[in-house]
PDB file of all heavy atoms in Angstrom:
ATOM      1  N   LEU A   1      -4.242  -8.385 -19.654  1.00  0.00           N
ATOM      2  CA  LEU A   1      -5.009  -9.626 -19.551  1.00  0.00           C
ATOM      3  C   LEU A   1      -6.155  -9.481 -18.561  1.00  0.00           C
ATOM      4  O   LEU A   1      -5.952  -9.083 -17.415  1.00  0.00           O
ATOM      5  CB  LEU A   1      -4.073 -10.753 -19.108  1.00  0.00           C
ATOM      6  CG  LEU A   1      -4.653 -12.136 -18.972  1.00  0.00           C
ATOM      7  CD1 LEU A   1      -5.223 -12.635 -20.303  1.00  0.00           C
ATOM      8  CD2 LEU A   1      -3.582 -13.100 -18.466  1.00  0.00           C
ATOM      9  N   LEU A   2      -7.359  -9.810 -18.998  1.00  0.00           N
ATOM     10  CA  LEU A   2      -8.562  -9.770 -18.174  1.00  0.00           C
ATOM     11  C   LEU A   2      -8.967 -11.196 -17.844  1.00  0.00           C
ATOM     12  O   LEU A   2      -9.226 -11.995 -18.742  1.00  0.00           O
ATOM     13  CB  LEU A   2      -9.680  -9.040 -18.925  1.00  0.00           C
ATOM     14  CG  LEU A   2     -10.962  -8.724 -18.183  1.00  0.00           C
ATOM     15  CD1 LEU A   2     -10.697  -7.935 -16.911  1.00  0.00           C
ATOM     16  CD2 LEU A   2     -11.906  -7.946 -19.095  1.00  0.00           C
ATOM     17  N   LEU A   3      -8.995 -11.521 -16.537  1.00  0.00           N
ATOM     18  CA  LEU A   3      -9.237 -12.888 -16.066  1.00  0.00           C
ATOM     19  C   LEU A   3     -10.520 -13.002 -15.270  1.00  0.00           C
ATOM     20  O   LEU A   3     -10.910 -12.053 -14.578  1.00  0.00           O
ATOM     21  CB  LEU A   3      -8.092 -13.313 -15.128  1.00  0.00           C
ATOM     22  CG  LEU A   3      -6.680 -13.223 -15.635  1.00  0.00           C
ATOM     23  CD1 LEU A   3      -5.704 -13.246 -14.481  1.00  0.00           C
ATOM     24  CD2 LEU A   3      -6.426 -14.379 -16.574  1.00  0.00           C
ATOM     25  N   THR A   4     -11.128 -14.173 -15.313  1.00  0.00           N
ATOM     26  CA  THR A   4     -12.201 -14.472 -14.380  1.00  0.00           C
ATOM     27  C   THR A   4     -11.568 -14.802 -13.031  1.00  0.00           C
ATOM     28  O   THR A   4     -10.354 -15.056 -12.946  1.00  0.00           O
ATOM     29  CB  THR A   4     -13.039 -15.674 -14.856  1.00  0.00           C
ATOM     30  OG1 THR A   4     -12.207 -16.835 -14.858  1.00  0.00           O
ATOM     31  CG2 THR A   4     -13.641 -15.428 -16.233  1.00  0.00           C
ATOM     32  N   LEU A   5     -12.351 -14.826 -11.993  1.00  0.00           N
ATOM     33  CA  LEU A   5     -11.820 -15.168 -10.675  1.00  0.00           C
ATOM     34  C   LEU A   5     -11.277 -16.592 -10.669  1.00  0.00           C
ATOM     35  O   LEU A   5     -10.211 -16.856 -10.101  1.00  0.00           O
ATOM     36  CB  LEU A   5     -12.895 -15.005  -9.595  1.00  0.00           C
ATOM     37  CG  LEU A   5     -12.457 -15.306  -8.175  1.00  0.00           C
ATOM     38  CD1 LEU A   5     -11.291 -14.424  -7.751  1.00  0.00           C
ATOM     39  CD2 LEU A   5     -13.620 -15.148  -7.215  1.00  0.00           C
ATOM     40  N   GLU A   6     -11.958 -17.491 -11.340  1.00  0.00           N
ATOM     41  CA  GLU A   6     -11.500 -18.886 -11.415  1.00  0.00           C
ATOM     42  C   GLU A   6     -10.145 -18.970 -12.118  1.00  0.00           C
ATOM     43  O   GLU A   6      -9.259 -19.692 -11.676  1.00  0.00           O
ATOM     44  CB  GLU A   6     -12.551 -19.738 -12.149  1.00  0.00           C
ATOM     45  CG  GLU A   6     -12.235 -21.220 -12.200  1.00  0.00           C
ATOM     46  CD  GLU A   6     -11.402 -21.607 -13.429  1.00  0.00           C
ATOM     47  OE1 GLU A   6     -11.621 -21.033 -14.503  1.00  0.00           O
ATOM     48  OE2 GLU A   6     -10.529 -22.488 -13.283  1.00  0.00           O
ATOM     49  N   GLU A   7      -9.963 -18.213 -13.197  1.00  0.00           N
ATOM     50  CA  GLU A   7      -8.678 -18.205 -13.902  1.00  0.00           C
ATOM     51  C   GLU A   7      -7.580 -17.613 -13.020  1.00  0.00           C
ATOM     52  O   GLU A   7      -6.453 -18.115 -13.003  1.00  0.00           O
ATOM     53  CB  GLU A   7      -8.788 -17.411 -15.208  1.00  0.00           C
ATOM     54  CG  GLU A   7      -9.620 -18.093 -16.264  1.00  0.00           C
ATOM     55  CD  GLU A   7      -9.955 -17.187 -17.427  1.00  0.00           C
ATOM     56  OE1 GLU A   7      -9.956 -15.950 -17.282  1.00  0.00           O
ATOM     57  OE2 GLU A   7     -10.246 -17.735 -18.521  1.00  0.00           O
ATOM     58  N   TRP A   8      -7.895 -16.549 -12.300  1.00  0.00           N
ATOM     59  CA  TRP A   8      -6.909 -15.942 -11.404  1.00  0.00           C
ATOM     60  C   TRP A   8      -6.479 -16.931 -10.325  1.00  0.00           C
ATOM     61  O   TRP A   8      -5.292 -17.085 -10.049  1.00  0.00           O
ATOM     62  CB  TRP A   8      -7.461 -14.672 -10.771  1.00  0.00           C
ATOM     63  CG  TRP A   8      -6.630 -14.160  -9.641  1.00  0.00           C
ATOM     64  CD1 TRP A   8      -6.953 -14.151  -8.320  1.00  0.00           C
ATOM     65  CD2 TRP A   8      -5.316 -13.608  -9.726  1.00  0.00           C
ATOM     66  NE1 TRP A   8      -5.939 -13.618  -7.584  1.00  0.00           N
ATOM     67  CE2 TRP A   8      -4.908 -13.274  -8.415  1.00  0.00           C
ATOM     68  CE3 TRP A   8      -4.440 -13.360 -10.771  1.00  0.00           C
ATOM     69  CZ2 TRP A   8      -3.673 -12.710  -8.131  1.00  0.00           C
ATOM     70  CZ3 TRP A   8      -3.205 -12.796 -10.491  1.00  0.00           C
ATOM     71  CH2 TRP A   8      -2.825 -12.478  -9.186  1.00  0.00           C
ATOM     72  N   GLU A   9      -7.441 -17.617  -9.714  1.00  0.00           N
ATOM     73  CA  GLU A   9      -7.111 -18.574  -8.659  1.00  0.00           C
ATOM     74  C   GLU A   9      -6.257 -19.722  -9.194  1.00  0.00           C
ATOM     75  O   GLU A   9      -5.354 -20.194  -8.528  1.00  0.00           O
ATOM     76  CB  GLU A   9      -8.380 -19.095  -8.005  1.00  0.00           C
ATOM     77  CG  GLU A   9      -9.078 -18.035  -7.150  1.00  0.00           C
ATOM     78  CD  GLU A   9     -10.449 -18.459  -6.651  1.00  0.00           C
ATOM     79  OE1 GLU A   9     -11.018 -19.450  -7.183  1.00  0.00           O
ATOM     80  OE2 GLU A   9     -10.968 -17.786  -5.751  1.00  0.00           O
ATOM     81  N   ARG A  10      -6.535 -20.142 -10.417  1.00  0.00           N
ATOM     82  CA  ARG A  10      -5.788 -21.242 -11.023  1.00  0.00           C
ATOM     83  C   ARG A  10      -4.395 -20.817 -11.473  1.00  0.00           C
ATOM     84  O   ARG A  10      -3.435 -21.564 -11.366  1.00  0.00           O
ATOM     85  CB  ARG A  10      -6.592 -21.799 -12.203  1.00  0.00           C
ATOM     86  CG  ARG A  10      -5.974 -22.983 -12.915  1.00  0.00           C
ATOM     87  CD  ARG A  10      -6.923 -23.638 -13.908  1.00  0.00           C
ATOM     88  NE  ARG A  10      -7.776 -22.740 -14.647  1.00  0.00           N
ATOM     89  CZ  ARG A  10      -7.516 -22.291 -15.880  1.00  0.00           C
ATOM     90  NH1 ARG A  10      -6.420 -22.652 -16.496  1.00  0.00           N
ATOM     91  NH2 ARG A  10      -8.354 -21.482 -16.478  1.00  0.00           N
ATOM     92  N   LEU A  11      -4.255 -19.577 -11.958  1.00  0.00           N
ATOM     93  CA  LEU A  11      -3.005 -19.139 -12.572  1.00  0.00           C
ATOM     94  C   LEU A  11      -2.224 -18.103 -11.755  1.00  0.00           C
ATOM     95  O   LEU A  11      -1.180 -17.639 -12.201  1.00  0.00           O
ATOM     96  CB  LEU A  11      -3.295 -18.528 -13.946  1.00  0.00           C
ATOM     97  CG  LEU A  11      -3.969 -19.443 -14.962  1.00  0.00           C
ATOM     98  CD1 LEU A  11      -4.396 -18.645 -16.180  1.00  0.00           C
ATOM     99  CD2 LEU A  11      -3.016 -20.562 -15.360  1.00  0.00           C
ATOM    100  N   ALA A  12      -2.706 -17.753 -10.582  1.00  0.00           N
ATOM    101  CA  ALA A  12      -2.088 -16.667  -9.810  1.00  0.00           C
ATOM    102  C   ALA A  12      -0.594 -16.856  -9.618  1.00  0.00           C
ATOM    103  O   ALA A  12       0.186 -15.914  -9.758  1.00  0.00           O
ATOM    104  CB  ALA A  12      -2.789 -16.502  -8.467  1.00  0.00           C
ATOM    105  N   GLY A  13      -0.173 -18.057  -9.304  1.00  0.00           N
ATOM    106  CA  GLY A  13       1.248 -18.301  -9.088  1.00  0.00           C
ATOM    107  C   GLY A  13       2.099 -18.009 -10.306  1.00  0.00           C
ATOM    108  O   GLY A  13       3.166 -17.402 -10.212  1.00  0.00           O
ATOM    109  N   SER A  14       1.615 -18.393 -11.471  1.00  0.00           N
ATOM    110  CA  SER A  14       2.394 -18.170 -12.687  1.00  0.00           C
ATOM    111  C   SER A  14       2.257 -16.740 -13.216  1.00  0.00           C
ATOM    112  O   SER A  14       3.062 -16.312 -14.030  1.00  0.00           O
ATOM    113  CB  SER A  14       1.985 -19.169 -13.767  1.00  0.00           C
ATOM    114  OG  SER A  14       0.627 -19.013 -14.091  1.00  0.00           O
ATOM    115  N   LEU A  15       1.256 -15.986 -12.733  1.00  0.00           N
ATOM    116  CA  LEU A  15       1.064 -14.619 -13.215  1.00  0.00           C
ATOM    117  C   LEU A  15       1.675 -13.563 -12.301  1.00  0.00           C
ATOM    118  O   LEU A  15       1.600 -12.382 -12.593  1.00  0.00           O
ATOM    119  CB  LEU A  15      -0.438 -14.333 -13.375  1.00  0.00           C
ATOM    120  CG  LEU A  15      -1.126 -15.076 -14.508  1.00  0.00           C
ATOM    121  CD1 LEU A  15      -2.626 -14.838 -14.458  1.00  0.00           C
ATOM    122  CD2 LEU A  15      -0.564 -14.645 -15.844  1.00  0.00           C
ATOM    123  N   ARG A  16       2.288 -13.978 -11.217  1.00  0.00           N
ATOM    124  CA  ARG A  16       2.890 -13.003 -10.286  1.00  0.00           C
ATOM    125  C   ARG A  16       3.944 -12.142 -10.977  1.00  0.00           C
ATOM    126  O   ARG A  16       4.172 -11.016 -10.592  1.00  0.00           O
ATOM    127  CB  ARG A  16       3.508 -13.718  -9.091  1.00  0.00           C
ATOM    128  CG  ARG A  16       2.540 -14.491  -8.253  1.00  0.00           C
ATOM    129  CD  ARG A  16       1.875 -13.609  -7.246  1.00  0.00           C
ATOM    130  NE  ARG A  16       0.991 -14.449  -6.424  1.00  0.00           N
ATOM    131  CZ  ARG A  16      -0.107 -14.025  -5.889  1.00  0.00           C
ATOM    132  NH1 ARG A  16      -0.460 -12.780  -6.032  1.00  0.00           N
ATOM    133  NH2 ARG A  16      -0.859 -14.827  -5.178  1.00  0.00           N
ATOM    134  N   HIS A  17       4.579 -12.658 -12.009  1.00  0.00           N
ATOM    135  CA  HIS A  17       5.619 -11.915 -12.719  1.00  0.00           C
ATOM    136  C   HIS A  17       5.178 -11.510 -14.127  1.00  0.00           C
ATOM    137  O   HIS A  17       6.019 -11.233 -14.978  1.00  0.00           O
ATOM    138  CB  HIS A  17       6.909 -12.744 -12.770  1.00  0.00           C
ATOM    139  CG  HIS A  17       7.406 -13.096 -11.407  1.00  0.00           C
ATOM    140  ND1 HIS A  17       7.936 -12.158 -10.551  1.00  0.00           N
ATOM    141  CD2 HIS A  17       7.413 -14.266 -10.734  1.00  0.00           C
ATOM    142  CE1 HIS A  17       8.266 -12.746  -9.414  1.00  0.00           C
ATOM    143  NE2 HIS A  17       7.959 -14.019  -9.504  1.00  0.00           N
ATOM    144  N   TRP A  18       3.875 -11.487 -14.366  1.00  0.00           N
ATOM    145  CA  TRP A  18       3.322 -11.073 -15.654  1.00  0.00           C
ATOM    146  C   TRP A  18       3.728  -9.620 -15.895  1.00  0.00           C
ATOM    147  O   TRP A  18       3.566  -8.776 -15.009  1.00  0.00           O
ATOM    148  CB  TRP A  18       1.801 -11.227 -15.605  1.00  0.00           C
ATOM    149  CG  TRP A  18       1.079 -10.938 -16.874  1.00  0.00           C
ATOM    150  CD1 TRP A  18       0.369  -9.806 -17.165  1.00  0.00           C
ATOM    151  CD2 TRP A  18       0.951 -11.780 -18.017  1.00  0.00           C
ATOM    152  NE1 TRP A  18      -0.181  -9.891 -18.412  1.00  0.00           N
ATOM    153  CE2 TRP A  18       0.161 -11.096 -18.963  1.00  0.00           C
ATOM    154  CE3 TRP A  18       1.445 -13.039 -18.339  1.00  0.00           C
ATOM    155  CZ2 TRP A  18      -0.156 -11.627 -20.197  1.00  0.00           C
ATOM    156  CZ3 TRP A  18       1.115 -13.570 -19.576  1.00  0.00           C
ATOM    157  CH2 TRP A  18       0.330 -12.877 -20.487  1.00  0.00           C
ATOM    158  N   ASP A  19       4.233  -9.302 -17.078  1.00  0.00           N
ATOM    159  CA  ASP A  19       4.762  -7.964 -17.330  1.00  0.00           C
ATOM    160  C   ASP A  19       3.742  -7.005 -17.947  1.00  0.00           C
ATOM    161  O   ASP A  19       4.091  -5.901 -18.335  1.00  0.00           O
ATOM    162  CB  ASP A  19       6.018  -8.032 -18.194  1.00  0.00           C
ATOM    163  CG  ASP A  19       5.744  -8.569 -19.591  1.00  0.00           C
ATOM    164  OD1 ASP A  19       4.642  -9.093 -19.817  1.00  0.00           O
ATOM    165  OD2 ASP A  19       6.633  -8.457 -20.443  1.00  0.00           O
ATOM    166  N   GLN A  20       2.496  -7.418 -18.041  1.00  0.00           N
ATOM    167  CA  GLN A  20       1.428  -6.578 -18.568  1.00  0.00           C
ATOM    168  C   GLN A  20       0.381  -6.362 -17.463  1.00  0.00           C
ATOM    169  O   GLN A  20       0.319  -7.122 -16.503  1.00  0.00           O
ATOM    170  CB  GLN A  20       0.769  -7.256 -19.775  1.00  0.00           C
ATOM    171  CG  GLN A  20       1.669  -7.381 -20.976  1.00  0.00           C
ATOM    172  CD  GLN A  20       2.009  -6.030 -21.561  1.00  0.00           C
ATOM    173  OE1 GLN A  20       1.165  -5.158 -21.715  1.00  0.00           O
ATOM    174  NE2 GLN A  20       3.294  -5.838 -21.875  1.00  0.00           N
ATOM    175  N   PRO A  21      -0.454  -5.322 -17.611  1.00  0.00           N
ATOM    176  CA  PRO A  21      -1.504  -5.106 -16.612  1.00  0.00           C
ATOM    177  C   PRO A  21      -2.450  -6.308 -16.520  1.00  0.00           C
ATOM    178  O   PRO A  21      -2.702  -6.993 -17.513  1.00  0.00           O
ATOM    179  CB  PRO A  21      -2.238  -3.878 -17.135  1.00  0.00           C
ATOM    180  CG  PRO A  21      -1.257  -3.181 -18.012  1.00  0.00           C
ATOM    181  CD  PRO A  21      -0.421  -4.276 -18.623  1.00  0.00           C
ATOM    182  N   LEU A  22      -2.951  -6.527 -15.314  1.00  0.00           N
ATOM    183  CA  LEU A  22      -3.914  -7.598 -15.075  1.00  0.00           C
ATOM    184  C   LEU A  22      -5.257  -7.009 -14.676  1.00  0.00           C
ATOM    185  O   LEU A  22      -5.318  -6.007 -13.951  1.00  0.00           O
ATOM    186  CB  LEU A  22      -3.431  -8.520 -13.950  1.00  0.00           C
ATOM    187  CG  LEU A  22      -2.261  -9.433 -14.259  1.00  0.00           C
ATOM    188  CD1 LEU A  22      -1.795 -10.145 -12.997  1.00  0.00           C
ATOM    189  CD2 LEU A  22      -2.645 -10.441 -15.335  1.00  0.00           C
ATOM    190  N   GLY A  23      -6.314  -7.647 -15.139  1.00  0.00           N
ATOM    191  CA  GLY A  23      -7.668  -7.260 -14.779  1.00  0.00           C
ATOM    192  C   GLY A  23      -8.439  -8.473 -14.291  1.00  0.00           C
ATOM    193  O   GLY A  23      -8.077  -9.614 -14.576  1.00  0.00           O
ATOM    194  N   LEU A  24      -9.494  -8.225 -13.534  1.00  0.00           N
ATOM    195  CA  LEU A  24     -10.289  -9.293 -12.936  1.00  0.00           C
ATOM    196  C   LEU A  24     -11.765  -9.055 -13.215  1.00  0.00           C
ATOM    197  O   LEU A  24     -12.250  -7.930 -13.105  1.00  0.00           O
ATOM    198  CB  LEU A  24     -10.045  -9.322 -11.421  1.00  0.00           C
ATOM    199  CG  LEU A  24     -10.747 -10.396 -10.625  1.00  0.00           C
ATOM    200  CD1 LEU A  24     -10.214 -11.777 -11.009  1.00  0.00           C
ATOM    201  CD2 LEU A  24     -10.554 -10.158  -9.136  1.00  0.00           C
ATOM    202  N   ILE A  25     -12.478 -10.126 -13.584  1.00  0.00           N
ATOM    203  CA  ILE A  25     -13.921 -10.070 -13.800  1.00  0.00           C
ATOM    204  C   ILE A  25     -14.604 -10.679 -12.585  1.00  0.00           C
ATOM    205  O   ILE A  25     -14.300 -11.809 -12.196  1.00  0.00           O
ATOM    206  CB  ILE A  25     -14.335 -10.863 -15.060  1.00  0.00           C
ATOM    207  CG1 ILE A  25     -13.639 -10.314 -16.287  1.00  0.00           C
ATOM    208  CG2 ILE A  25     -15.849 -10.857 -15.220  1.00  0.00           C
ATOM    209  CD1 ILE A  25     -13.797 -11.183 -17.527  1.00  0.00           C
ATOM    210  N   LEU A  26     -15.527  -9.938 -11.987  1.00  0.00           N
ATOM    211  CA  LEU A  26     -16.310 -10.437 -10.856  1.00  0.00           C
ATOM    212  C   LEU A  26     -17.783 -10.455 -11.237  1.00  0.00           C
ATOM    213  O   LEU A  26     -18.271  -9.526 -11.884  1.00  0.00           O
ATOM    214  CB  LEU A  26     -16.106  -9.556  -9.621  1.00  0.00           C
ATOM    215  CG  LEU A  26     -14.686  -9.478  -9.079  1.00  0.00           C
ATOM    216  CD1 LEU A  26     -14.613  -8.498  -7.917  1.00  0.00           C
ATOM    217  CD2 LEU A  26     -14.195 -10.852  -8.663  1.00  0.00           C
ATOM    218  N   THR A  27     -18.485 -11.509 -10.813  1.00  0.00           N
ATOM    219  CA  THR A  27     -19.883 -11.680 -11.200  1.00  0.00           C
ATOM    220  C   THR A  27     -20.878 -11.121 -10.200  1.00  0.00           C
ATOM    221  O   THR A  27     -22.042 -10.989 -10.513  1.00  0.00           O
ATOM    222  CB  THR A  27     -20.207 -13.169 -11.399  1.00  0.00           C
ATOM    223  OG1 THR A  27     -20.060 -13.830 -10.151  1.00  0.00           O
ATOM    224  CG2 THR A  27     -19.322 -13.788 -12.453  1.00  0.00           C
ATOM    225  N   GLY A  28     -20.458 -10.807  -9.012  1.00  0.00           N
ATOM    226  CA  GLY A  28     -21.379 -10.309  -7.990  1.00  0.00           C
ATOM    227  C   GLY A  28     -21.568 -11.293  -6.866  1.00  0.00           C
ATOM    228  O   GLY A  28     -21.957 -10.927  -5.767  1.00  0.00           O
TER     229      GLY A  28
END
């Protein structure tokens, strides 16, 4: 799963136990 920073901040708690690799998109 590839997330924006906003998505990560919103969903971080529920994704702590995500069983697939996580990715992050940063805009600069």
